[in-house]
Amino acid sequence: MGNWSKNQQDLHHRIEINPEIMTGKPVIRGTRIPVELLVKMLAQGMNTEDIMKEYPHLTPEDVQAALLYAAESLDDTEVFPIETE
């Protein structure tokens, strides 16, 4: 469990939110590559190796960080059931 926590901390440092970069969207630190783009690429069937061919300066850890960020963003989402007739 300790390694997982350390790994998460390392991955968190790879994400940057800066209003001066991509209007404040979360990006991979040091790039203008939004987390959203990487998640969409994965959802469309690309794997980490495919993404790294498109963006050679990215690492597998950058892609992992994007997924972790997305998962944690969803974890904070509250869902309220809406009654329908």
PDB file of N, CA and C in Angstrom:
ATOM      1  N   MET A   1       0.822  -1.188   0.000  1.00  0.00           N
ATOM      2  CA  MET A   1       0.000   0.000   0.000  1.00  0.00           C
ATOM      3  C   MET A   1       0.866   1.250   0.000  1.00  0.00           C
ATOM      4  N   GLY A   2       2.006   1.216   0.710  1.00  0.00           N
ATOM      5  CA  GLY A   2       2.895   2.365   0.749  1.00  0.00           C
ATOM      6  C   GLY A   2       3.426   2.728  -0.629  1.00  0.00           C
ATOM      7  N   ASN A   3       3.789   1.720  -1.430  1.00  0.00           N
ATOM      8  CA  ASN A   3       4.278   1.985  -2.782  1.00  0.00           C
ATOM      9  C   ASN A   3       3.195   2.596  -3.650  1.00  0.00           C
ATOM     10  N   TRP A   4       1.938   2.143  -3.473  1.00  0.00           N
ATOM     11  CA  TRP A   4       0.835   2.692  -4.263  1.00  0.00           C
ATOM     12  C   TRP A   4       0.688   4.174  -3.969  1.00  0.00           C
ATOM     13  N   SER A   5       0.747   4.545  -2.695  1.00  0.00           N
ATOM     14  CA  SER A   5       0.614   5.944  -2.304  1.00  0.00           C
ATOM     15  C   SER A   5       1.760   6.777  -2.888  1.00  0.00           C
ATOM     16  N   LYS A   6       2.970   6.268  -2.815  1.00  0.00           N
ATOM     17  CA  LYS A   6       4.140   6.960  -3.380  1.00  0.00           C
ATOM     18  C   LYS A   6       3.973   7.079  -4.891  1.00  0.00           C
ATOM     19  N   ASN A   7       3.498   6.014  -5.538  1.00  0.00           N
ATOM     20  CA  ASN A   7       3.280   6.033  -6.977  1.00  0.00           C
ATOM     21  C   ASN A   7       2.247   7.093  -7.338  1.00  0.00           C
ATOM     22  N   GLN A   8       1.159   7.170  -6.567  1.00  0.00           N
ATOM     23  CA  GLN A   8       0.137   8.181  -6.832  1.00  0.00           C
ATOM     24  C   GLN A   8       0.710   9.583  -6.706  1.00  0.00           C
ATOM     25  N   GLN A   9       1.524   9.813  -5.691  1.00  0.00           N
ATOM     26  CA  GLN A   9       2.138  11.138  -5.515  1.00  0.00           C
ATOM     27  C   GLN A   9       3.013  11.476  -6.710  1.00  0.00           C
ATOM     28  N   ASP A  10       3.789  10.511  -7.171  1.00  0.00           N
ATOM     29  CA  ASP A  10       4.648  10.736  -8.332  1.00  0.00           C
ATOM     30  C   ASP A  10       3.812  11.080  -9.565  1.00  0.00           C
ATOM     31  N   LEU A  11       2.681  10.372  -9.733  1.00  0.00           N
ATOM     32  CA  LEU A  11       1.824  10.621 -10.882  1.00  0.00           C
ATOM     33  C   LEU A  11       1.151  11.992 -10.779  1.00  0.00           C
ATOM     34  N   HIS A  12       0.764  12.384  -9.589  1.00  0.00           N
ATOM     35  CA  HIS A  12       0.115  13.695  -9.406  1.00  0.00           C
ATOM     36  C   HIS A  12       1.023  14.838  -9.844  1.00  0.00           C
ATOM     37  N   HIS A  13       2.301  14.676  -9.647  1.00  0.00           N
ATOM     38  CA  HIS A  13       3.251  15.736 -10.018  1.00  0.00           C
ATOM     39  C   HIS A  13       3.363  15.897 -11.533  1.00  0.00           C
ATOM     40  N   ARG A  14       2.846  14.964 -12.275  1.00  0.00           N
ATOM     41  CA  ARG A  14       2.916  15.035 -13.734  1.00  0.00           C
ATOM     42  C   ARG A  14       1.782  15.860 -14.332  1.00  0.00           C
ATOM     43  N   ILE A  15       0.776  16.210 -13.523  1.00  0.00           N
ATOM     44  CA  ILE A  15      -0.365  16.978 -14.003  1.00  0.00           C
ATOM     45  C   ILE A  15      -0.230  18.428 -13.537  1.00  0.00           C
ATOM     46  N   GLU A  16      -0.519  19.335 -14.455  1.00  0.00           N
ATOM     47  CA  GLU A  16      -0.411  20.761 -14.152  1.00  0.00           C
ATOM     48  C   GLU A  16      -1.714  21.454 -14.542  1.00  0.00           C
ATOM     49  N   ILE A  17      -2.159  22.346 -13.688  1.00  0.00           N
ATOM     50  CA  ILE A  17      -3.316  23.193 -13.998  1.00  0.00           C
ATOM     51  C   ILE A  17      -2.856  24.635 -13.849  1.00  0.00           C
ATOM     52  N   ASN A  18      -2.851  25.335 -14.966  1.00  0.00           N
ATOM     53  CA  ASN A  18      -2.362  26.715 -15.003  1.00  0.00           C
ATOM     54  C   ASN A  18      -3.268  27.505 -15.938  1.00  0.00           C
ATOM     55  N   PRO A  19      -3.870  28.589 -15.457  1.00  0.00           N
ATOM     56  CA  PRO A  19      -4.767  29.366 -16.316  1.00  0.00           C
ATOM     57  C   PRO A  19      -4.092  29.901 -17.582  1.00  0.00           C
ATOM     58  N   GLU A  20      -2.775  29.961 -17.584  1.00  0.00           N
ATOM     59  CA  GLU A  20      -2.022  30.457 -18.741  1.00  0.00           C
ATOM     60  C   GLU A  20      -1.814  29.381 -19.808  1.00  0.00           C
ATOM     61  N   ILE A  21      -2.093  28.137 -19.450  1.00  0.00           N
ATOM     62  CA  ILE A  21      -1.874  27.018 -20.383  1.00  0.00           C
ATOM     63  C   ILE A  21      -3.217  26.341 -20.657  1.00  0.00           C
ATOM     64  N   MET A  22      -3.621  26.314 -21.902  1.00  0.00           N
ATOM     65  CA  MET A  22      -4.861  25.656 -22.333  1.00  0.00           C
ATOM     66  C   MET A  22      -6.063  26.102 -21.488  1.00  0.00           C
ATOM     67  N   THR A  23      -6.101  27.394 -21.189  1.00  0.00           N
ATOM     68  CA  THR A  23      -7.180  28.014 -20.398  1.00  0.00           C
ATOM     69  C   THR A  23      -7.457  27.284 -19.084  1.00  0.00           C
ATOM     70  N   GLY A  24      -6.424  26.724 -18.490  1.00  0.00           N
ATOM     71  CA  GLY A  24      -6.556  26.098 -17.182  1.00  0.00           C
ATOM     72  C   GLY A  24      -6.976  24.641 -17.186  1.00  0.00           C
ATOM     73  N   LYS A  25      -7.087  24.027 -18.374  1.00  0.00           N
ATOM     74  CA  LYS A  25      -7.385  22.591 -18.408  1.00  0.00           C
ATOM     75  C   LYS A  25      -6.197  21.831 -17.835  1.00  0.00           C
ATOM     76  N   PRO A  26      -6.438  20.708 -17.172  1.00  0.00           N
ATOM     77  CA  PRO A  26      -5.313  19.907 -16.689  1.00  0.00           C
ATOM     78  C   PRO A  26      -4.527  19.339 -17.873  1.00  0.00           C
ATOM     79  N   VAL A  27      -3.220  19.515 -17.817  1.00  0.00           N
ATOM     80  CA  VAL A  27      -2.325  19.054 -18.877  1.00  0.00           C
ATOM     81  C   VAL A  27      -1.185  18.264 -18.253  1.00  0.00           C
ATOM     82  N   ILE A  28      -0.478  17.543 -19.101  1.00  0.00           N
ATOM     83  CA  ILE A  28       0.753  16.892 -18.662  1.00  0.00           C
ATOM     84  C   ILE A  28       1.790  17.993 -18.463  1.00  0.00           C
ATOM     85  N   ARG A  29       2.387  18.018 -17.289  1.00  0.00           N
ATOM     86  CA  ARG A  29       3.332  19.082 -16.923  1.00  0.00           C
ATOM     87  C   ARG A  29       4.396  19.268 -18.002  1.00  0.00           C
ATOM     88  N   GLY A  30       4.637  20.527 -18.334  1.00  0.00           N
ATOM     89  CA  GLY A  30       5.658  20.853 -19.317  1.00  0.00           C
ATOM     90  C   GLY A  30       5.184  20.720 -20.756  1.00  0.00           C
ATOM     91  N   THR A  31       3.896  20.420 -20.940  1.00  0.00           N
ATOM     92  CA  THR A  31       3.349  20.280 -22.295  1.00  0.00           C
ATOM     93  C   THR A  31       2.050  21.074 -22.390  1.00  0.00           C
ATOM     94  N   ARG A  32       1.469  21.058 -23.554  1.00  0.00           N
ATOM     95  CA  ARG A  32       0.132  21.607 -23.762  1.00  0.00           C
ATOM     96  C   ARG A  32      -0.831  20.469 -24.125  1.00  0.00           C
ATOM     97  N   ILE A  33      -0.506  19.268 -23.662  1.00  0.00           N
ATOM     98  CA  ILE A  33      -1.315  18.092 -23.961  1.00  0.00           C
ATOM     99  C   ILE A  33      -2.319  17.890 -22.824  1.00  0.00           C
ATOM    100  N   PRO A  34      -3.615  18.126 -23.120  1.00  0.00           N
ATOM    101  CA  PRO A  34      -4.626  17.988 -22.066  1.00  0.00           C
ATOM    102  C   PRO A  34      -4.848  16.536 -21.649  1.00  0.00           C
ATOM    103  N   VAL A  35      -5.120  16.356 -20.371  1.00  0.00           N
ATOM    104  CA  VAL A  35      -5.493  15.052 -19.831  1.00  0.00           C
ATOM    105  C   VAL A  35      -6.680  14.510 -20.623  1.00  0.00           C
ATOM    106  N   GLU A  36      -7.634  15.362 -20.906  1.00  0.00           N
ATOM    107  CA  GLU A  36      -8.836  14.975 -21.642  1.00  0.00           C
ATOM    108  C   GLU A  36      -8.491  14.307 -22.975  1.00  0.00           C
ATOM    109  N   LEU A  37      -7.526  14.846 -23.691  1.00  0.00           N
ATOM    110  CA  LEU A  37      -7.121  14.282 -24.980  1.00  0.00           C
ATOM    111  C   LEU A  37      -6.582  12.866 -24.815  1.00  0.00           C
ATOM    112  N   LEU A  38      -5.738  12.669 -23.818  1.00  0.00           N
ATOM    113  CA  LEU A  38      -5.158  11.338 -23.606  1.00  0.00           C
ATOM    114  C   LEU A  38      -6.234  10.325 -23.241  1.00  0.00           C
ATOM    115  N   VAL A  39      -7.178  10.719 -22.398  1.00  0.00           N
ATOM    116  CA  VAL A  39      -8.251   9.800 -22.026  1.00  0.00           C
ATOM    117  C   VAL A  39      -9.108   9.460 -23.249  1.00  0.00           C
ATOM    118  N   LYS A  40      -9.397  10.460 -24.079  1.00  0.00           N
ATOM    119  CA  LYS A  40     -10.175  10.209 -25.296  1.00  0.00           C
ATOM    120  C   LYS A  40      -9.432   9.270 -26.244  1.00  0.00           C
ATOM    121  N   MET A  41      -8.131   9.449 -26.374  1.00  0.00           N
ATOM    122  CA  MET A  41      -7.343   8.586 -27.250  1.00  0.00           C
ATOM    123  C   MET A  41      -7.407   7.141 -26.765  1.00  0.00           C
ATOM    124  N   LEU A  42      -7.298   6.953 -25.459  1.00  0.00           N
ATOM    125  CA  LEU A  42      -7.400   5.603 -24.897  1.00  0.00           C
ATOM    126  C   LEU A  42      -8.795   5.032 -25.126  1.00  0.00           C
ATOM    127  N   ALA A  43      -9.815   5.855 -24.959  1.00  0.00           N
ATOM    128  CA  ALA A  43     -11.196   5.397 -25.160  1.00  0.00           C
ATOM    129  C   ALA A  43     -11.453   5.006 -26.612  1.00  0.00           C
ATOM    130  N   GLN A  44     -10.731   5.615 -27.537  1.00  0.00           N
ATOM    131  CA  GLN A  44     -10.889   5.302 -28.954  1.00  0.00           C
ATOM    132  C   GLN A  44     -10.087   4.077 -29.370  1.00  0.00           C
ATOM    133  N   GLY A  45      -9.428   3.434 -28.403  1.00  0.00           N
ATOM    134  CA  GLY A  45      -8.734   2.191 -28.693  1.00  0.00           C
ATOM    135  C   GLY A  45      -7.227   2.301 -28.824  1.00  0.00           C
ATOM    136  N   MET A  46      -6.700   3.501 -28.707  1.00  0.00           N
ATOM    137  CA  MET A  46      -5.239   3.624 -28.760  1.00  0.00           C
ATOM    138  C   MET A  46      -4.659   3.086 -27.461  1.00  0.00           C
ATOM    139  N   ASN A  47      -3.470   2.517 -27.542  1.00  0.00           N
ATOM    140  CA  ASN A  47      -2.796   2.092 -26.324  1.00  0.00           C
ATOM    141  C   ASN A  47      -1.668   3.084 -26.016  1.00  0.00           C
ATOM    142  N   THR A  48      -1.009   2.873 -24.909  1.00  0.00           N
ATOM    143  CA  THR A  48       0.044   3.798 -24.482  1.00  0.00           C
ATOM    144  C   THR A  48       1.133   3.928 -25.533  1.00  0.00           C
ATOM    145  N   GLU A  49       1.500   2.814 -26.159  1.00  0.00           N
ATOM    146  CA  GLU A  49       2.557   2.853 -27.176  1.00  0.00           C
ATOM    147  C   GLU A  49       2.126   3.708 -28.375  1.00  0.00           C
ATOM    148  N   ASP A  50       0.852   3.577 -28.785  1.00  0.00           N
ATOM    149  CA  ASP A  50       0.333   4.390 -29.891  1.00  0.00           C
ATOM    150  C   ASP A  50       0.409   5.876 -29.551  1.00  0.00           C
ATOM    151  N   ILE A  51       0.012   6.203 -28.331  1.00  0.00           N
ATOM    152  CA  ILE A  51       0.022   7.609 -27.899  1.00  0.00           C
ATOM    153  C   ILE A  51       1.444   8.139 -27.881  1.00  0.00           C
ATOM    154  N   MET A  52       2.370   7.317 -27.415  1.00  0.00           N
ATOM    155  CA  MET A  52       3.767   7.759 -27.355  1.00  0.00           C
ATOM    156  C   MET A  52       4.367   7.925 -28.748  1.00  0.00           C
ATOM    157  N   LYS A  53       3.854   7.206 -29.737  1.00  0.00           N
ATOM    158  CA  LYS A  53       4.307   7.425 -31.118  1.00  0.00           C
ATOM    159  C   LYS A  53       3.831   8.785 -31.621  1.00  0.00           C
ATOM    160  N   GLU A  54       2.597   9.155 -31.235  1.00  0.00           N
ATOM    161  CA  GLU A  54       2.048  10.463 -31.628  1.00  0.00           C
ATOM    162  C   GLU A  54       2.749  11.605 -30.881  1.00  0.00           C
ATOM    163  N   TYR A  55       3.080  11.348 -29.618  1.00  0.00           N
ATOM    164  CA  TYR A  55       3.706  12.355 -28.753  1.00  0.00           C
ATOM    165  C   TYR A  55       4.944  11.728 -28.117  1.00  0.00           C
ATOM    166  N   PRO A  56       6.064  11.694 -28.853  1.00  0.00           N
ATOM    167  CA  PRO A  56       7.250  10.953 -28.391  1.00  0.00           C
ATOM    168  C   PRO A  56       7.851  11.441 -27.070  1.00  0.00           C
ATOM    169  N   HIS A  57       7.554  12.657 -26.672  1.00  0.00           N
ATOM    170  CA  HIS A  57       8.124  13.160 -25.417  1.00  0.00           C
ATOM    171  C   HIS A  57       7.322  12.699 -24.195  1.00  0.00           C
ATOM    172  N   LEU A  58       6.170  12.044 -24.404  1.00  0.00           N
ATOM    173  CA  LEU A  58       5.402  11.509 -23.281  1.00  0.00           C
ATOM    174  C   LEU A  58       5.988  10.176 -22.826  1.00  0.00           C
ATOM    175  N   THR A  59       5.713   9.847 -21.582  1.00  0.00           N
ATOM    176  CA  THR A  59       6.151   8.575 -21.009  1.00  0.00           C
ATOM    177  C   THR A  59       4.917   7.764 -20.619  1.00  0.00           C
ATOM    178  N   PRO A  60       5.081   6.477 -20.388  1.00  0.00           N
ATOM    179  CA  PRO A  60       3.949   5.684 -19.909  1.00  0.00           C
ATOM    180  C   PRO A  60       3.373   6.254 -18.599  1.00  0.00           C
ATOM    181  N   GLU A  61       4.239   6.805 -17.763  1.00  0.00           N
ATOM    182  CA  GLU A  61       3.784   7.387 -16.502  1.00  0.00           C
ATOM    183  C   GLU A  61       2.893   8.613 -16.741  1.00  0.00           C
ATOM    184  N   ASP A  62       3.155   9.362 -17.806  1.00  0.00           N
ATOM    185  CA  ASP A  62       2.302  10.500 -18.137  1.00  0.00           C
ATOM    186  C   ASP A  62       0.888  10.026 -18.469  1.00  0.00           C
ATOM    187  N   VAL A  63       0.783   8.949 -19.219  1.00  0.00           N
ATOM    188  CA  VAL A  63      -0.521   8.406 -19.587  1.00  0.00           C
ATOM    189  C   VAL A  63      -1.222   7.871 -18.334  1.00  0.00           C
ATOM    190  N   GLN A  64      -0.481   7.200 -17.469  1.00  0.00           N
ATOM    191  CA  GLN A  64      -1.036   6.709 -16.205  1.00  0.00           C
ATOM    192  C   GLN A  64      -1.543   7.871 -15.363  1.00  0.00           C
ATOM    193  N   ALA A  65      -0.779   8.946 -15.328  1.00  0.00           N
ATOM    194  CA  ALA A  65      -1.170  10.122 -14.541  1.00  0.00           C
ATOM    195  C   ALA A  65      -2.474  10.709 -15.066  1.00  0.00           C
ATOM    196  N   ALA A  66      -2.645  10.728 -16.378  1.00  0.00           N
ATOM    197  CA  ALA A  66      -3.885  11.235 -16.972  1.00  0.00           C
ATOM    198  C   ALA A  66      -5.072  10.382 -16.535  1.00  0.00           C
ATOM    199  N   LEU A  67      -4.902   9.067 -16.559  1.00  0.00           N
ATOM    200  CA  LEU A  67      -5.986   8.178 -16.139  1.00  0.00           C
ATOM    201  C   LEU A  67      -6.284   8.320 -14.647  1.00  0.00           C
ATOM    202  N   LEU A  68      -5.258   8.435 -13.837  1.00  0.00           N
ATOM    203  CA  LEU A  68      -5.456   8.618 -12.406  1.00  0.00           C
ATOM    204  C   LEU A  68      -6.200   9.918 -12.136  1.00  0.00           C
ATOM    205  N   TYR A  69      -5.806  10.992 -12.823  1.00  0.00           N
ATOM    206  CA  TYR A  69      -6.474  12.282 -12.651  1.00  0.00           C
ATOM    207  C   TYR A  69      -7.952  12.165 -13.027  1.00  0.00           C
ATOM    208  N   ALA A  70      -8.233  11.532 -14.153  1.00  0.00           N
ATOM    209  CA  ALA A  70      -9.624  11.373 -14.605  1.00  0.00           C
ATOM    210  C   ALA A  70     -10.427  10.546 -13.599  1.00  0.00           C
ATOM    211  N   ALA A  71      -9.850   9.462 -13.120  1.00  0.00           N
ATOM    212  CA  ALA A  71     -10.542   8.607 -12.154  1.00  0.00           C
ATOM    213  C   ALA A  71     -10.836   9.363 -10.867  1.00  0.00           C
ATOM    214  N   GLU A  72      -9.870  10.123 -10.391  1.00  0.00           N
ATOM    215  CA  GLU A  72     -10.073  10.872  -9.158  1.00  0.00           C
ATOM    216  C   GLU A  72     -11.079  12.001  -9.353  1.00  0.00           C
ATOM    217  N   SER A  73     -11.125  12.566 -10.547  1.00  0.00           N
ATOM    218  CA  SER A  73     -12.122  13.600 -10.836  1.00  0.00           C
ATOM    219  C   SER A  73     -13.522  13.013 -10.775  1.00  0.00           C
ATOM    220  N   LEU A  74     -13.688  11.818 -11.297  1.00  0.00           N
ATOM    221  CA  LEU A  74     -14.991  11.154 -11.248  1.00  0.00           C
ATOM    222  C   LEU A  74     -15.337  10.717  -9.827  1.00  0.00           C
ATOM    223  N   ASP A  75     -14.332  10.379  -9.061  1.00  0.00           N
ATOM    224  CA  ASP A  75     -14.549   9.947  -7.686  1.00  0.00           C
ATOM    225  C   ASP A  75     -15.169  11.061  -6.858  1.00  0.00           C
ATOM    226  N   ASP A  76     -14.871  12.299  -7.198  1.00  0.00           N
ATOM    227  CA  ASP A  76     -15.402  13.454  -6.473  1.00  0.00           C
ATOM    228  C   ASP A  76     -16.811  13.832  -6.921  1.00  0.00           C
ATOM    229  N   THR A  77     -17.319  13.171  -7.942  1.00  0.00           N
ATOM    230  CA  THR A  77     -18.629  13.502  -8.494  1.00  0.00           C
ATOM    231  C   THR A  77     -19.736  12.911  -7.628  1.00  0.00           C
ATOM    232  N   GLU A  78     -20.699  13.757  -7.293  1.00  0.00           N
ATOM    233  CA  GLU A  78     -21.865  13.270  -6.559  1.00  0.00           C
ATOM    234  C   GLU A  78     -22.988  13.042  -7.552  1.00  0.00           C
ATOM    235  N   VAL A  79     -23.688  11.937  -7.359  1.00  0.00           N
ATOM    236  CA  VAL A  79     -24.791  11.594  -8.236  1.00  0.00           C
ATOM    237  C   VAL A  79     -26.086  11.639  -7.427  1.00  0.00           C
ATOM    238  N   PHE A  80     -27.045  12.358  -7.962  1.00  0.00           N
ATOM    239  CA  PHE A  80     -28.348  12.472  -7.315  1.00  0.00           C
ATOM    240  C   PHE A  80     -29.386  11.849  -8.239  1.00  0.00           C
ATOM    241  N   PRO A  81     -30.072  10.808  -7.776  1.00  0.00           N
ATOM    242  CA  PRO A  81     -31.070  10.176  -8.641  1.00  0.00           C
ATOM    243  C   PRO A  81     -32.222  11.144  -8.932  1.00  0.00           C
ATOM    244  N   ILE A  82     -32.693  11.083 -10.154  1.00  0.00           N
ATOM    245  CA  ILE A  82     -33.823  11.898 -10.576  1.00  0.00           C
ATOM    246  C   ILE A  82     -34.989  10.945 -10.799  1.00  0.00           C
ATOM    247  N   GLU A  83     -36.063  11.238 -10.140  1.00  0.00           N
ATOM    248  CA  GLU A  83     -37.240  10.379 -10.298  1.00  0.00           C
ATOM    249  C   GLU A  83     -37.935  10.718 -11.605  1.00  0.00           C
ATOM    250  N   THR A  84     -38.238   9.679 -12.376  1.00  0.00           N
ATOM    251  CA  THR A  84     -38.997   9.864 -13.612  1.00  0.00           C
ATOM    252  C   THR A  84     -40.274   9.054 -13.511  1.00  0.00           C
ATOM    253  N   GLU A  85     -41.237   9.492 -14.220  1.00  0.00           N
ATOM    254  CA  GLU A  85     -42.510   8.781 -14.165  1.00  0.00           C
ATOM    255  C   GLU A  85     -42.631   7.771 -15.271  1.00  0.00           C
TER     256      GLU A  85
END
